[in-house]
Amino acid sequence: MTSLVSSISDPSTIDLGSMYELDGLVSLLDDYRLARYMFILCLALIIYDYCLTFHDEIKYMFGRRFVWTKLLFLLNRYWPLTFILMDNAVLALVTGSNKFCVVWFYFFAFATFPAHFSIGAILVARLHVMYGCRPKILFWLCAVFALELTSATAIIGVVAYNLRVVTLPPSYTGCVPTNIAHYAWMYWLPIATFETTLFTLAFAKSVAIARSESHTVPYVMAVLLRDSVAYFGCAAVVIFVNLVAWYLASQRMFCPFLSSAFTMRSILGCRLLLNIHKAHLDARDSASPISTVIGRFSSANWLHRMREQDLAQP
């Protein structure tokens, strides 16, 4: 058993031979394979979605003048793609470098922050527009978002600080973490609470606007409502799976399922922005107040025009 594992004197690592018997080694290698398959699957998904939406990206994001939502789109689009590529490279190329793995785990934990920030900002911006671009609404949304972002980052930071490296057999590449805190699953609680709150507000506003208008829901509002339900449904599944997996088996499921959440939220966030830009162009000639309101989301001076519209209404 011990001949399979190299001896490591670095205190930041834990020797596999001192932790596992033969059954433990088999279980560890199963987890290792699962992690590699998940990262490969996530890379395939994100590249596949990139190919499907590349034409829309050129048309709606680069074919028009620059607006601030493009920054969110680019961050949410290309940082996860780059990070997933790096994950696969580490799993395929790194051999016997435990010090590198310790640094990589820190980077891995905090690398989700840019994507986390971008998708949260996208959701806040959509809801801000749905509520008439009111400054008070924006203030409270940003406050809740900042609280959620701070809480999740603090939890994952503490978890990453306590991570240690499992020494793999010489024929294996990559990094496998251990000593994962039992409370790591709590990382998903602020994220789930934040997204549930935004979905509830978006759904309530959509229903209220639909009732106050004609019997048919305006096209842009239908897109917003559809995307809110679709995003929340997919995100809820991913977040719930991660929460349960980390709660029941954080040691085994820490890396594989985190990458899935990272990937799915990136794909969904990009779709949200592309869909609203497309809906705005399709409905820009409509006289519907909802189309006018939502169209400001893709305009550089949408806030000023929205305020003018509010003042003009009786």
C-alpha atoms as a PDB file:
ATOM      1  CA  MET A   1       0.000   0.000   0.000  1.00  0.00           C
ATOM      2  CA  THR A   2       2.631   2.469   1.027  1.00  0.00           C
ATOM      3  CA  SER A   3       4.655   1.658  -2.064  1.00  0.00           C
ATOM      4  CA  LEU A   4       1.874   3.205  -4.154  1.00  0.00           C
ATOM      5  CA  VAL A   5       2.301   6.589  -2.529  1.00  0.00           C
ATOM      6  CA  SER A   6       5.276   8.890  -2.295  1.00  0.00           C
ATOM      7  CA  SER A   7       6.321  10.153   1.090  1.00  0.00           C
ATOM      8  CA  ILE A   8       5.653  13.862   1.581  1.00  0.00           C
ATOM      9  CA  SER A   9       7.227  15.874   4.370  1.00  0.00           C
ATOM     10  CA  ASP A  10       5.275  19.060   3.664  1.00  0.00           C
ATOM     11  CA  PRO A  11       2.884  19.633   6.637  1.00  0.00           C
ATOM     12  CA  SER A  12       0.261  21.014   4.259  1.00  0.00           C
ATOM     13  CA  THR A  13      -0.173  17.548   2.757  1.00  0.00           C
ATOM     14  CA  ILE A  14      -1.516  14.321   4.134  1.00  0.00           C
ATOM     15  CA  ASP A  15       0.032  11.019   3.134  1.00  0.00           C
ATOM     16  CA  LEU A  16      -2.467   8.692   1.524  1.00  0.00           C
ATOM     17  CA  GLY A  17      -0.937   5.672   3.209  1.00  0.00           C
ATOM     18  CA  SER A  18      -1.662   7.117   6.662  1.00  0.00           C
ATOM     19  CA  MET A  19      -5.290   7.782   5.819  1.00  0.00           C
ATOM     20  CA  TYR A  20      -6.647   4.931   3.776  1.00  0.00           C
ATOM     21  CA  GLU A  21      -6.580   1.172   3.649  1.00  0.00           C
ATOM     22  CA  LEU A  22      -7.101  -0.577   0.333  1.00  0.00           C
ATOM     23  CA  ASP A  23     -10.855   0.130   0.304  1.00  0.00           C
ATOM     24  CA  GLY A  24     -10.134   3.766   0.959  1.00  0.00           C
ATOM     25  CA  LEU A  25      -7.739   3.908  -1.957  1.00  0.00           C
ATOM     26  CA  VAL A  26     -10.308   2.372  -4.298  1.00  0.00           C
ATOM     27  CA  SER A  27     -12.924   4.876  -3.119  1.00  0.00           C
ATOM     28  CA  LEU A  28     -10.496   7.757  -3.551  1.00  0.00           C
ATOM     29  CA  LEU A  29      -9.639   6.770  -7.100  1.00  0.00           C
ATOM     30  CA  ASP A  30     -13.347   6.470  -7.915  1.00  0.00           C
ATOM     31  CA  ASP A  31     -13.803  10.027  -6.676  1.00  0.00           C
ATOM     32  CA  TYR A  32     -10.825  11.102  -8.737  1.00  0.00           C
ATOM     33  CA  ARG A  33     -12.318   9.630 -11.892  1.00  0.00           C
ATOM     34  CA  LEU A  34     -15.672  11.257 -11.140  1.00  0.00           C
ATOM     35  CA  ALA A  35     -13.989  14.635 -10.780  1.00  0.00           C
ATOM     36  CA  ARG A  36     -12.176  14.250 -14.099  1.00  0.00           C
ATOM     37  CA  TYR A  37     -15.353  13.173 -15.906  1.00  0.00           C
ATOM     38  CA  MET A  38     -17.304  16.102 -14.446  1.00  0.00           C
ATOM     39  CA  PHE A  39     -14.695  18.645 -15.494  1.00  0.00           C
ATOM     40  CA  ILE A  40     -14.566  17.190 -19.004  1.00  0.00           C
ATOM     41  CA  LEU A  41     -18.373  17.230 -19.173  1.00  0.00           C
ATOM     42  CA  CYS A  42     -18.498  20.849 -17.997  1.00  0.00           C
ATOM     43  CA  LEU A  43     -15.931  21.846 -20.603  1.00  0.00           C
ATOM     44  CA  ALA A  44     -17.930  20.082 -23.315  1.00  0.00           C
ATOM     45  CA  LEU A  45     -21.157  21.796 -22.211  1.00  0.00           C
ATOM     46  CA  ILE A  46     -19.692  25.276 -22.085  1.00  0.00           C
ATOM     47  CA  ILE A  47     -17.996  24.903 -25.486  1.00  0.00           C
ATOM     48  CA  TYR A  48     -21.185  23.454 -26.984  1.00  0.00           C
ATOM     49  CA  ASP A  49     -23.247  26.383 -25.709  1.00  0.00           C
ATOM     50  CA  TYR A  50     -20.572  28.778 -26.943  1.00  0.00           C
ATOM     51  CA  CYS A  51     -20.875  27.358 -30.451  1.00  0.00           C
ATOM     52  CA  LEU A  52     -24.682  27.559 -30.341  1.00  0.00           C
ATOM     53  CA  THR A  53     -24.785  31.184 -29.220  1.00  0.00           C
ATOM     54  CA  PHE A  54     -21.696  32.620 -30.922  1.00  0.00           C
ATOM     55  CA  HIS A  55     -23.772  34.101 -33.752  1.00  0.00           C
ATOM     56  CA  ASP A  56     -26.119  35.784 -31.256  1.00  0.00           C
ATOM     57  CA  GLU A  57     -23.137  37.085 -29.299  1.00  0.00           C
ATOM     58  CA  ILE A  58     -21.717  38.776 -32.399  1.00  0.00           C
ATOM     59  CA  LYS A  59     -25.113  40.160 -33.384  1.00  0.00           C
ATOM     60  CA  TYR A  60     -26.373  41.450 -30.033  1.00  0.00           C
ATOM     61  CA  MET A  61     -23.182  42.147 -28.102  1.00  0.00           C
ATOM     62  CA  PHE A  62     -20.607  43.237 -30.678  1.00  0.00           C
ATOM     63  CA  GLY A  63     -22.787  44.409 -33.540  1.00  0.00           C
ATOM     64  CA  ARG A  64     -24.064  47.428 -31.610  1.00  0.00           C
ATOM     65  CA  ARG A  65     -22.595  50.245 -29.551  1.00  0.00           C
ATOM     66  CA  PHE A  66     -20.906  49.414 -26.275  1.00  0.00           C
ATOM     67  CA  VAL A  67     -23.112  49.317 -23.165  1.00  0.00           C
ATOM     68  CA  TRP A  68     -22.323  48.285 -19.592  1.00  0.00           C
ATOM     69  CA  THR A  69     -24.190  44.976 -19.867  1.00  0.00           C
ATOM     70  CA  LYS A  70     -21.525  43.790 -22.307  1.00  0.00           C
ATOM     71  CA  LEU A  71     -18.978  43.849 -19.489  1.00  0.00           C
ATOM     72  CA  LEU A  72     -21.151  41.493 -17.463  1.00  0.00           C
ATOM     73  CA  PHE A  73     -21.663  39.290 -20.484  1.00  0.00           C
ATOM     74  CA  LEU A  74     -17.958  39.057 -21.296  1.00  0.00           C
ATOM     75  CA  LEU A  75     -17.049  38.314 -17.684  1.00  0.00           C
ATOM     76  CA  ASN A  76     -19.758  35.707 -17.332  1.00  0.00           C
ATOM     77  CA  ARG A  77     -18.939  34.186 -20.709  1.00  0.00           C
ATOM     78  CA  TYR A  78     -15.175  33.962 -20.920  1.00  0.00           C
ATOM     79  CA  TRP A  79     -13.931  33.679 -17.345  1.00  0.00           C
ATOM     80  CA  PRO A  80     -15.752  30.367 -16.661  1.00  0.00           C
ATOM     81  CA  LEU A  81     -14.587  29.010 -20.025  1.00  0.00           C
ATOM     82  CA  THR A  82     -10.985  29.928 -19.203  1.00  0.00           C
ATOM     83  CA  PHE A  83     -11.251  28.517 -15.693  1.00  0.00           C
ATOM     84  CA  ILE A  84     -12.736  25.189 -16.802  1.00  0.00           C
ATOM     85  CA  LEU A  85      -9.942  24.871 -19.362  1.00  0.00           C
ATOM     86  CA  MET A  86      -7.401  25.480 -16.589  1.00  0.00           C
ATOM     87  CA  ASP A  87      -9.095  22.874 -14.371  1.00  0.00           C
ATOM     88  CA  ASN A  88      -8.819  20.249 -17.062  1.00  0.00           C
ATOM     89  CA  ALA A  89      -5.191  21.176 -17.698  1.00  0.00           C
ATOM     90  CA  VAL A  90      -4.341  20.781 -14.002  1.00  0.00           C
ATOM     91  CA  LEU A  91      -6.048  17.390 -13.824  1.00  0.00           C
ATOM     92  CA  ALA A  92      -4.272  16.203 -16.952  1.00  0.00           C
ATOM     93  CA  LEU A  93      -0.772  17.620 -16.497  1.00  0.00           C
ATOM     94  CA  VAL A  94       0.127  18.221 -12.836  1.00  0.00           C
ATOM     95  CA  THR A  95       2.044  15.328 -11.277  1.00  0.00           C
ATOM     96  CA  GLY A  96       3.384  15.064  -7.742  1.00  0.00           C
ATOM     97  CA  SER A  97       3.341  18.814  -7.044  1.00  0.00           C
ATOM     98  CA  ASN A  98       1.603  19.067  -3.690  1.00  0.00           C
ATOM     99  CA  LYS A  99       2.687  22.648  -3.045  1.00  0.00           C
ATOM    100  CA  PHE A 100       1.190  23.656  -6.375  1.00  0.00           C
ATOM    101  CA  CYS A 101      -2.025  21.822  -5.473  1.00  0.00           C
ATOM    102  CA  VAL A 102      -2.344  23.751  -2.193  1.00  0.00           C
ATOM    103  CA  VAL A 103      -2.096  27.033  -4.113  1.00  0.00           C
ATOM    104  CA  TRP A 104      -4.450  25.732  -6.765  1.00  0.00           C
ATOM    105  CA  PHE A 105      -7.143  24.909  -4.199  1.00  0.00           C
ATOM    106  CA  TYR A 106      -7.035  28.479  -2.906  1.00  0.00           C
ATOM    107  CA  PHE A 107      -7.300  29.765  -6.448  1.00  0.00           C
ATOM    108  CA  PHE A 108     -10.050  27.255  -7.264  1.00  0.00           C
ATOM    109  CA  ALA A 109     -12.179  28.403  -4.332  1.00  0.00           C
ATOM    110  CA  PHE A 110     -11.916  32.123  -5.063  1.00  0.00           C
ATOM    111  CA  ALA A 111     -11.950  31.850  -8.860  1.00  0.00           C
ATOM    112  CA  THR A 112     -15.706  31.433  -8.718  1.00  0.00           C
ATOM    113  CA  PHE A 113     -16.027  35.011  -7.412  1.00  0.00           C
ATOM    114  CA  PRO A 114     -15.929  36.840 -10.798  1.00  0.00           C
ATOM    115  CA  ALA A 115     -18.576  34.557 -12.298  1.00  0.00           C
ATOM    116  CA  HIS A 116     -20.602  34.707  -9.099  1.00  0.00           C
ATOM    117  CA  PHE A 117     -20.471  38.497  -9.213  1.00  0.00           C
ATOM    118  CA  SER A 118     -21.410  38.721 -12.891  1.00  0.00           C
ATOM    119  CA  ILE A 119     -24.453  36.439 -12.700  1.00  0.00           C
ATOM    120  CA  GLY A 120     -25.668  38.203  -9.550  1.00  0.00           C
ATOM    121  CA  ALA A 121     -25.296  41.594 -11.215  1.00  0.00           C
ATOM    122  CA  ILE A 122     -27.219  40.342 -14.252  1.00  0.00           C
ATOM    123  CA  LEU A 123     -30.086  39.147 -12.060  1.00  0.00           C
ATOM    124  CA  VAL A 124     -30.146  42.385 -10.058  1.00  0.00           C
ATOM    125  CA  ALA A 125     -30.143  44.498 -13.229  1.00  0.00           C
ATOM    126  CA  ARG A 126     -33.064  42.564 -14.733  1.00  0.00           C
ATOM    127  CA  LEU A 127     -35.113  42.913 -11.589  1.00  0.00           C
ATOM    128  CA  HIS A 128     -34.220  46.582 -11.275  1.00  0.00           C
ATOM    129  CA  VAL A 129     -35.635  47.197 -14.743  1.00  0.00           C
ATOM    130  CA  MET A 130     -38.774  45.183 -13.986  1.00  0.00           C
ATOM    131  CA  TYR A 131     -39.441  47.431 -10.997  1.00  0.00           C
ATOM    132  CA  GLY A 132     -39.187  50.633 -13.038  1.00  0.00           C
ATOM    133  CA  CYS A 133     -35.518  51.469 -12.347  1.00  0.00           C
ATOM    134  CA  ARG A 134     -36.338  52.877  -8.946  1.00  0.00           C
ATOM    135  CA  PRO A 135     -33.252  53.912  -6.933  1.00  0.00           C
ATOM    136  CA  LYS A 136     -34.610  52.487  -3.675  1.00  0.00           C
ATOM    137  CA  ILE A 137     -35.188  49.113  -5.279  1.00  0.00           C
ATOM    138  CA  LEU A 138     -31.657  49.149  -6.670  1.00  0.00           C
ATOM    139  CA  PHE A 139     -30.233  50.053  -3.258  1.00  0.00           C
ATOM    140  CA  TRP A 140     -31.931  47.164  -1.485  1.00  0.00           C
ATOM    141  CA  LEU A 141     -31.122  44.707  -4.253  1.00  0.00           C
ATOM    142  CA  CYS A 142     -27.452  45.699  -4.124  1.00  0.00           C
ATOM    143  CA  ALA A 143     -27.445  45.443  -0.325  1.00  0.00           C
ATOM    144  CA  VAL A 144     -28.871  41.922  -0.422  1.00  0.00           C
ATOM    145  CA  PHE A 145     -26.468  40.977  -3.201  1.00  0.00           C
ATOM    146  CA  ALA A 146     -23.471  42.327  -1.264  1.00  0.00           C
ATOM    147  CA  LEU A 147     -24.540  40.380   1.835  1.00  0.00           C
ATOM    148  CA  GLU A 148     -24.923  37.185  -0.174  1.00  0.00           C
ATOM    149  CA  LEU A 149     -21.602  37.655  -1.962  1.00  0.00           C
ATOM    150  CA  THR A 150     -19.749  38.417   1.273  1.00  0.00           C
ATOM    151  CA  SER A 151     -21.253  35.449   3.121  1.00  0.00           C
ATOM    152  CA  ALA A 152     -20.553  32.927   0.369  1.00  0.00           C
ATOM    153  CA  THR A 153     -16.996  34.222  -0.170  1.00  0.00           C
ATOM    154  CA  ALA A 154     -16.211  34.111   3.554  1.00  0.00           C
ATOM    155  CA  ILE A 155     -17.448  30.529   3.897  1.00  0.00           C
ATOM    156  CA  ILE A 156     -15.576  29.206   0.868  1.00  0.00           C
ATOM    157  CA  GLY A 157     -12.476  31.112   1.985  1.00  0.00           C
ATOM    158  CA  VAL A 158     -12.437  29.378   5.381  1.00  0.00           C
ATOM    159  CA  VAL A 159     -13.076  26.011   3.729  1.00  0.00           C
ATOM    160  CA  ALA A 160     -10.205  26.585   1.275  1.00  0.00           C
ATOM    161  CA  TYR A 161      -7.840  27.596   4.068  1.00  0.00           C
ATOM    162  CA  ASN A 162      -8.308  24.216   5.783  1.00  0.00           C
ATOM    163  CA  LEU A 163      -7.916  22.101   2.648  1.00  0.00           C
ATOM    164  CA  ARG A 164      -5.051  19.638   2.411  1.00  0.00           C
ATOM    165  CA  VAL A 165      -3.684  17.596  -0.479  1.00  0.00           C
ATOM    166  CA  VAL A 166      -3.983  13.844  -0.890  1.00  0.00           C
ATOM    167  CA  THR A 167      -0.846  12.300  -2.360  1.00  0.00           C
ATOM    168  CA  LEU A 168      -1.833  10.299  -5.417  1.00  0.00           C
ATOM    169  CA  PRO A 169      -0.095   7.219  -6.820  1.00  0.00           C
ATOM    170  CA  PRO A 170       2.750   8.160  -9.220  1.00  0.00           C
ATOM    171  CA  SER A 171       0.789   7.183 -12.325  1.00  0.00           C
ATOM    172  CA  TYR A 172      -1.997   9.678 -11.568  1.00  0.00           C
ATOM    173  CA  THR A 173      -2.084  13.371 -12.408  1.00  0.00           C
ATOM    174  CA  GLY A 174      -4.060  16.211 -10.862  1.00  0.00           C
ATOM    175  CA  CYS A 175      -4.918  17.434  -7.377  1.00  0.00           C
ATOM    176  CA  VAL A 176      -7.322  15.827  -4.885  1.00  0.00           C
ATOM    177  CA  PRO A 177      -8.371  17.780  -1.747  1.00  0.00           C
ATOM    178  CA  THR A 178      -9.083  16.399   1.699  1.00  0.00           C
ATOM    179  CA  ASN A 179      -9.831  17.779   5.174  1.00  0.00           C
ATOM    180  CA  ILE A 180     -12.920  19.510   3.828  1.00  0.00           C
ATOM    181  CA  ALA A 181     -14.844  21.227   6.620  1.00  0.00           C
ATOM    182  CA  HIS A 182     -18.128  19.625   7.625  1.00  0.00           C
ATOM    183  CA  TYR A 183     -19.885  22.986   7.292  1.00  0.00           C
ATOM    184  CA  ALA A 184     -18.796  23.490   3.665  1.00  0.00           C
ATOM    185  CA  TRP A 185     -22.397  22.866   2.514  1.00  0.00           C
ATOM    186  CA  MET A 186     -23.413  26.163   4.114  1.00  0.00           C
ATOM    187  CA  TYR A 187     -21.711  27.915   1.192  1.00  0.00           C
ATOM    188  CA  TRP A 188     -24.841  27.237  -0.849  1.00  0.00           C
ATOM    189  CA  LEU A 189     -27.322  28.661   1.659  1.00  0.00           C
ATOM    190  CA  PRO A 190     -26.796  32.412   0.937  1.00  0.00           C
ATOM    191  CA  ILE A 191     -26.733  31.674  -2.805  1.00  0.00           C
ATOM    192  CA  ALA A 192     -30.000  29.729  -2.652  1.00  0.00           C
ATOM    193  CA  THR A 193     -31.629  32.395  -0.462  1.00  0.00           C
ATOM    194  CA  PHE A 194     -30.560  35.235  -2.756  1.00  0.00           C
ATOM    195  CA  GLU A 195     -31.746  33.594  -5.950  1.00  0.00           C
ATOM    196  CA  THR A 196     -35.033  32.478  -4.397  1.00  0.00           C
ATOM    197  CA  THR A 197     -35.681  36.048  -3.236  1.00  0.00           C
ATOM    198  CA  LEU A 198     -35.010  37.483  -6.690  1.00  0.00           C
ATOM    199  CA  PHE A 199     -37.192  34.888  -8.370  1.00  0.00           C
ATOM    200  CA  THR A 200     -40.072  35.606  -5.977  1.00  0.00           C
ATOM    201  CA  LEU A 201     -39.835  39.346  -6.662  1.00  0.00           C
ATOM    202  CA  ALA A 202     -39.590  38.827 -10.426  1.00  0.00           C
ATOM    203  CA  PHE A 203     -42.548  36.453 -10.505  1.00  0.00           C
ATOM    204  CA  ALA A 204     -44.703  38.751  -8.341  1.00  0.00           C
ATOM    205  CA  LYS A 205     -43.935  41.755 -10.529  1.00  0.00           C
ATOM    206  CA  SER A 206     -44.589  39.812 -13.709  1.00  0.00           C
ATOM    207  CA  VAL A 207     -47.984  38.674 -12.466  1.00  0.00           C
ATOM    208  CA  ALA A 208     -48.891  42.196 -11.333  1.00  0.00           C
ATOM    209  CA  ILE A 209     -47.933  43.761 -14.669  1.00  0.00           C
ATOM    210  CA  ALA A 210     -49.718  41.064 -16.646  1.00  0.00           C
ATOM    211  CA  ARG A 211     -52.926  41.728 -14.728  1.00  0.00           C
ATOM    212  CA  SER A 212     -52.692  45.481 -15.085  1.00  0.00           C
ATOM    213  CA  GLU A 213     -52.180  45.380 -18.863  1.00  0.00           C
ATOM    214  CA  SER A 214     -54.286  43.740 -21.516  1.00  0.00           C
ATOM    215  CA  HIS A 215     -55.366  40.106 -21.422  1.00  0.00           C
ATOM    216  CA  THR A 216     -52.239  39.150 -23.367  1.00  0.00           C
ATOM    217  CA  VAL A 217     -48.808  39.395 -21.804  1.00  0.00           C
ATOM    218  CA  PRO A 218     -46.428  41.667 -23.792  1.00  0.00           C
ATOM    219  CA  TYR A 219     -43.679  39.804 -25.598  1.00  0.00           C
ATOM    220  CA  VAL A 220     -40.750  41.258 -23.674  1.00  0.00           C
ATOM    221  CA  MET A 221     -42.429  40.608 -20.339  1.00  0.00           C
ATOM    222  CA  ALA A 222     -43.165  37.056 -21.460  1.00  0.00           C
ATOM    223  CA  VAL A 223     -39.456  36.619 -22.230  1.00  0.00           C
ATOM    224  CA  LEU A 224     -38.497  37.987 -18.816  1.00  0.00           C
ATOM    225  CA  LEU A 225     -40.968  35.743 -17.028  1.00  0.00           C
ATOM    226  CA  ARG A 226     -39.981  32.694 -19.070  1.00  0.00           C
ATOM    227  CA  ASP A 227     -36.284  33.273 -18.464  1.00  0.00           C
ATOM    228  CA  SER A 228     -36.814  33.902 -14.762  1.00  0.00           C
ATOM    229  CA  VAL A 229     -38.649  30.604 -14.354  1.00  0.00           C
ATOM    230  CA  ALA A 230     -36.202  28.695 -16.573  1.00  0.00           C
ATOM    231  CA  TYR A 231     -33.130  30.155 -14.881  1.00  0.00           C
ATOM    232  CA  PHE A 232     -34.427  29.587 -11.379  1.00  0.00           C
ATOM    233  CA  GLY A 233     -35.519  26.046 -12.214  1.00  0.00           C
ATOM    234  CA  CYS A 234     -32.112  25.061 -13.597  1.00  0.00           C
ATOM    235  CA  ALA A 235     -30.147  26.977 -10.974  1.00  0.00           C
ATOM    236  CA  ALA A 236     -32.280  25.550  -8.165  1.00  0.00           C
ATOM    237  CA  VAL A 237     -31.543  21.995  -9.306  1.00  0.00           C
ATOM    238  CA  VAL A 238     -27.794  22.644  -9.520  1.00  0.00           C
ATOM    239  CA  ILE A 239     -27.649  24.458  -6.172  1.00  0.00           C
ATOM    240  CA  PHE A 240     -29.806  21.855  -4.422  1.00  0.00           C
ATOM    241  CA  VAL A 241     -27.709  18.985  -5.781  1.00  0.00           C
ATOM    242  CA  ASN A 242     -24.520  20.682  -4.599  1.00  0.00           C
ATOM    243  CA  LEU A 243     -25.960  21.478  -1.192  1.00  0.00           C
ATOM    244  CA  VAL A 244     -27.128  17.903  -0.609  1.00  0.00           C
ATOM    245  CA  ALA A 245     -23.943  16.388  -2.041  1.00  0.00           C
ATOM    246  CA  TRP A 246     -21.711  18.572   0.124  1.00  0.00           C
ATOM    247  CA  TYR A 247     -23.835  17.903   3.186  1.00  0.00           C
ATOM    248  CA  LEU A 248     -23.850  14.113   2.763  1.00  0.00           C
ATOM    249  CA  ALA A 249     -20.389  13.574   1.259  1.00  0.00           C
ATOM    250  CA  SER A 250     -18.380  16.782   1.080  1.00  0.00           C
ATOM    251  CA  GLN A 251     -15.118  14.836   0.885  1.00  0.00           C
ATOM    252  CA  ARG A 252     -16.172  13.050  -2.285  1.00  0.00           C
ATOM    253  CA  MET A 253     -18.286  15.699  -4.004  1.00  0.00           C
ATOM    254  CA  PHE A 254     -16.465  18.954  -3.269  1.00  0.00           C
ATOM    255  CA  CYS A 255     -14.757  19.486  -6.634  1.00  0.00           C
ATOM    256  CA  PRO A 256     -16.970  17.611  -9.123  1.00  0.00           C
ATOM    257  CA  PHE A 257     -20.250  19.361  -8.360  1.00  0.00           C
ATOM    258  CA  LEU A 258     -18.788  22.816  -7.780  1.00  0.00           C
ATOM    259  CA  SER A 259     -17.668  22.834 -11.402  1.00  0.00           C
ATOM    260  CA  SER A 260     -21.195  21.952 -12.544  1.00  0.00           C
ATOM    261  CA  ALA A 261     -22.688  24.941 -10.728  1.00  0.00           C
ATOM    262  CA  PHE A 262     -19.948  27.171 -12.113  1.00  0.00           C
ATOM    263  CA  THR A 263     -20.696  26.026 -15.656  1.00  0.00           C
ATOM    264  CA  MET A 264     -24.498  26.088 -15.554  1.00  0.00           C
ATOM    265  CA  ARG A 265     -24.742  29.535 -14.013  1.00  0.00           C
ATOM    266  CA  SER A 266     -22.389  30.881 -16.671  1.00  0.00           C
ATOM    267  CA  ILE A 267     -24.441  29.376 -19.497  1.00  0.00           C
ATOM    268  CA  LEU A 268     -27.741  30.553 -18.032  1.00  0.00           C
ATOM    269  CA  GLY A 269     -26.453  34.056 -17.317  1.00  0.00           C
ATOM    270  CA  CYS A 270     -25.284  34.527 -20.890  1.00  0.00           C
ATOM    271  CA  ARG A 271     -28.611  33.259 -22.187  1.00  0.00           C
ATOM    272  CA  LEU A 272     -30.469  35.767 -20.005  1.00  0.00           C
ATOM    273  CA  LEU A 273     -28.588  38.687 -21.530  1.00  0.00           C
ATOM    274  CA  LEU A 274     -28.773  37.435 -25.104  1.00  0.00           C
ATOM    275  CA  ASN A 275     -32.509  36.777 -24.814  1.00  0.00           C
ATOM    276  CA  ILE A 276     -33.329  40.210 -23.418  1.00  0.00           C
ATOM    277  CA  HIS A 277     -31.296  41.961 -26.112  1.00  0.00           C
ATOM    278  CA  LYS A 278     -33.018  39.894 -28.777  1.00  0.00           C
ATOM    279  CA  ALA A 279     -36.444  40.552 -27.260  1.00  0.00           C
ATOM    280  CA  HIS A 280     -35.755  44.277 -27.174  1.00  0.00           C
ATOM    281  CA  LEU A 281     -34.901  44.346 -30.882  1.00  0.00           C
ATOM    282  CA  ASP A 282     -37.940  42.255 -31.761  1.00  0.00           C
ATOM    283  CA  ALA A 283     -40.303  44.452 -29.752  1.00  0.00           C
ATOM    284  CA  ARG A 284     -38.736  47.898 -30.114  1.00  0.00           C
ATOM    285  CA  ASP A 285     -41.457  49.089 -32.496  1.00  0.00           C
ATOM    286  CA  SER A 286     -44.181  48.056 -30.075  1.00  0.00           C
ATOM    287  CA  ALA A 287     -46.080  50.735 -28.166  1.00  0.00           C
ATOM    288  CA  SER A 288     -46.412  48.493 -25.120  1.00  0.00           C
ATOM    289  CA  PRO A 289     -45.162  50.198 -21.945  1.00  0.00           C
ATOM    290  CA  ILE A 290     -43.496  46.960 -20.909  1.00  0.00           C
ATOM    291  CA  SER A 291     -41.522  46.777 -24.134  1.00  0.00           C
ATOM    292  CA  THR A 292     -40.416  50.364 -23.599  1.00  0.00           C
ATOM    293  CA  VAL A 293     -39.346  49.684 -20.032  1.00  0.00           C
ATOM    294  CA  ILE A 294     -37.385  46.520 -20.719  1.00  0.00           C
ATOM    295  CA  GLY A 295     -35.772  47.979 -23.791  1.00  0.00           C
ATOM    296  CA  ARG A 296     -33.830  50.360 -21.566  1.00  0.00           C
ATOM    297  CA  PHE A 297     -31.917  47.374 -20.239  1.00  0.00           C
ATOM    298  CA  SER A 298     -29.905  47.266 -23.457  1.00  0.00           C
ATOM    299  CA  SER A 299     -29.582  51.012 -23.907  1.00  0.00           C
ATOM    300  CA  ALA A 300     -26.802  53.250 -22.612  1.00  0.00           C
ATOM    301  CA  ASN A 301     -29.258  55.905 -21.333  1.00  0.00           C
ATOM    302  CA  TRP A 302     -32.044  53.583 -20.172  1.00  0.00           C
ATOM    303  CA  LEU A 303     -32.232  55.028 -16.644  1.00  0.00           C
ATOM    304  CA  HIS A 304     -32.770  58.601 -17.824  1.00  0.00           C
ATOM    305  CA  ARG A 305     -35.467  57.581 -20.294  1.00  0.00           C
ATOM    306  CA  MET A 306     -37.168  55.389 -17.722  1.00  0.00           C
ATOM    307  CA  ARG A 307     -37.454  58.277 -15.306  1.00  0.00           C
ATOM    308  CA  GLU A 308     -38.929  60.458 -18.059  1.00  0.00           C
ATOM    309  CA  GLN A 309     -41.515  57.802 -18.770  1.00  0.00           C
ATOM    310  CA  ASP A 310     -42.455  57.535 -15.088  1.00  0.00           C
ATOM    311  CA  LEU A 311     -42.936  61.319 -14.860  1.00  0.00           C
ATOM    312  CA  ALA A 312     -45.078  61.339 -17.987  1.00  0.00           C
ATOM    313  CA  GLN A 313     -47.473  58.702 -16.641  1.00  0.00           C
ATOM    314  CA  PRO A 314     -50.517  60.025 -14.694  1.00  0.00           C
END
